[in-house]
Amino acid sequence: MANVTRKPSRSKSRSRRAANQRVKQHINVVECPQCHQKKMPHRVCGNCGYYAGRDVLKKEND
């Protein structure tokens, strides 16, 4: 069986490791059934204030 002749450099090892440590940018977004704006799932809609068909946040109209 062959033996390794050279040790991998630090930059090779660290760059290979860094590829798996980066932050994932995938964010799941759904449509609000009331106002049809994009929102994160299982959260109150920031536009209309509804969650699960109920008015949770009262919006003040000036």
C-alpha atoms as a PDB file:
ATOM      1  CA  MET A   1       0.000   0.000   0.000  1.00  0.00           C
ATOM      2  CA  ALA A   2       1.283   3.461  -0.897  1.00  0.00           C
ATOM      3  CA  ASN A   3       2.371   5.922   1.768  1.00  0.00           C
ATOM      4  CA  VAL A   4       1.757   9.646   1.741  1.00  0.00           C
ATOM      5  CA  THR A   5       4.923  11.458   0.643  1.00  0.00           C
ATOM      6  CA  ARG A   6       3.952  14.976   1.628  1.00  0.00           C
ATOM      7  CA  LYS A   7       1.805  16.381   4.370  1.00  0.00           C
ATOM      8  CA  PRO A   8      -1.059  18.644   3.137  1.00  0.00           C
ATOM      9  CA  SER A   9      -0.356  22.316   3.715  1.00  0.00           C
ATOM     10  CA  ARG A  10      -2.303  24.317   6.311  1.00  0.00           C
ATOM     11  CA  SER A  11      -4.060  26.331   3.648  1.00  0.00           C
ATOM     12  CA  LYS A  12      -5.299  23.200   1.859  1.00  0.00           C
ATOM     13  CA  SER A  13      -6.616  21.674   5.072  1.00  0.00           C
ATOM     14  CA  ARG A  14      -8.179  24.890   6.318  1.00  0.00           C
ATOM     15  CA  SER A  15      -9.824  25.781   3.007  1.00  0.00           C
ATOM     16  CA  ARG A  16     -11.346  22.311   2.767  1.00  0.00           C
ATOM     17  CA  ARG A  17     -12.644  22.612   6.332  1.00  0.00           C
ATOM     18  CA  ALA A  18     -13.948  26.157   5.776  1.00  0.00           C
ATOM     19  CA  ALA A  19     -16.171  25.025   2.901  1.00  0.00           C
ATOM     20  CA  ASN A  20     -18.353  23.096   5.372  1.00  0.00           C
ATOM     21  CA  GLN A  21     -18.332  25.740   8.106  1.00  0.00           C
ATOM     22  CA  ARG A  22     -19.878  28.599   6.157  1.00  0.00           C
ATOM     23  CA  VAL A  23     -23.326  29.886   7.122  1.00  0.00           C
ATOM     24  CA  LYS A  24     -26.207  28.584   5.065  1.00  0.00           C
ATOM     25  CA  GLN A  25     -28.265  31.326   3.399  1.00  0.00           C
ATOM     26  CA  HIS A  26     -31.397  29.245   2.837  1.00  0.00           C
ATOM     27  CA  ILE A  27     -34.402  30.929   4.492  1.00  0.00           C
ATOM     28  CA  ASN A  28     -37.856  29.416   4.111  1.00  0.00           C
ATOM     29  CA  VAL A  29     -40.554  31.961   3.198  1.00  0.00           C
ATOM     30  CA  VAL A  30     -44.317  31.428   2.906  1.00  0.00           C
ATOM     31  CA  GLU A  31     -47.205  33.620   1.793  1.00  0.00           C
ATOM     32  CA  CYS A  32     -49.542  35.187   4.360  1.00  0.00           C
ATOM     33  CA  PRO A  33     -53.119  33.959   3.724  1.00  0.00           C
ATOM     34  CA  GLN A  34     -54.598  37.365   4.686  1.00  0.00           C
ATOM     35  CA  CYS A  35     -52.474  39.960   2.863  1.00  0.00           C
ATOM     36  CA  HIS A  36     -50.423  37.662   0.545  1.00  0.00           C
ATOM     37  CA  GLN A  37     -47.101  39.167   1.623  1.00  0.00           C
ATOM     38  CA  LYS A  38     -44.024  37.021   2.218  1.00  0.00           C
ATOM     39  CA  LYS A  39     -43.354  36.029   5.832  1.00  0.00           C
ATOM     40  CA  MET A  40     -41.413  33.430   7.803  1.00  0.00           C
ATOM     41  CA  PRO A  41     -43.421  30.315   8.725  1.00  0.00           C
ATOM     42  CA  HIS A  42     -44.967  30.018  12.212  1.00  0.00           C
ATOM     43  CA  ARG A  43     -44.559  33.769  12.821  1.00  0.00           C
ATOM     44  CA  VAL A  44     -46.975  36.703  13.013  1.00  0.00           C
ATOM     45  CA  CYS A  45     -47.209  38.577   9.715  1.00  0.00           C
ATOM     46  CA  GLY A  46     -45.403  41.898  10.037  1.00  0.00           C
ATOM     47  CA  ASN A  47     -47.623  43.538   7.444  1.00  0.00           C
ATOM     48  CA  CYS A  48     -51.142  42.718   8.651  1.00  0.00           C
ATOM     49  CA  GLY A  49     -50.546  41.290  12.165  1.00  0.00           C
ATOM     50  CA  TYR A  50     -52.432  38.018  11.609  1.00  0.00           C
ATOM     51  CA  TYR A  51     -51.347  34.570  12.780  1.00  0.00           C
ATOM     52  CA  ALA A  52     -53.358  31.360  12.214  1.00  0.00           C
ATOM     53  CA  GLY A  53     -56.395  33.332  11.038  1.00  0.00           C
ATOM     54  CA  ARG A  54     -56.539  35.561  14.132  1.00  0.00           C
ATOM     55  CA  ASP A  55     -55.676  39.235  14.516  1.00  0.00           C
ATOM     56  CA  VAL A  56     -52.786  39.071  17.005  1.00  0.00           C
ATOM     57  CA  LEU A  57     -51.231  42.513  16.574  1.00  0.00           C
ATOM     58  CA  LYS A  58     -53.435  45.569  16.448  1.00  0.00           C
ATOM     59  CA  LYS A  59     -52.172  48.002  13.820  1.00  0.00           C
ATOM     60  CA  GLU A  60     -52.607  51.687  14.611  1.00  0.00           C
ATOM     61  CA  ASN A  61     -53.897  53.796  11.739  1.00  0.00           C
ATOM     62  CA  ASP A  62     -52.936  57.479  11.845  1.00  0.00           C
END
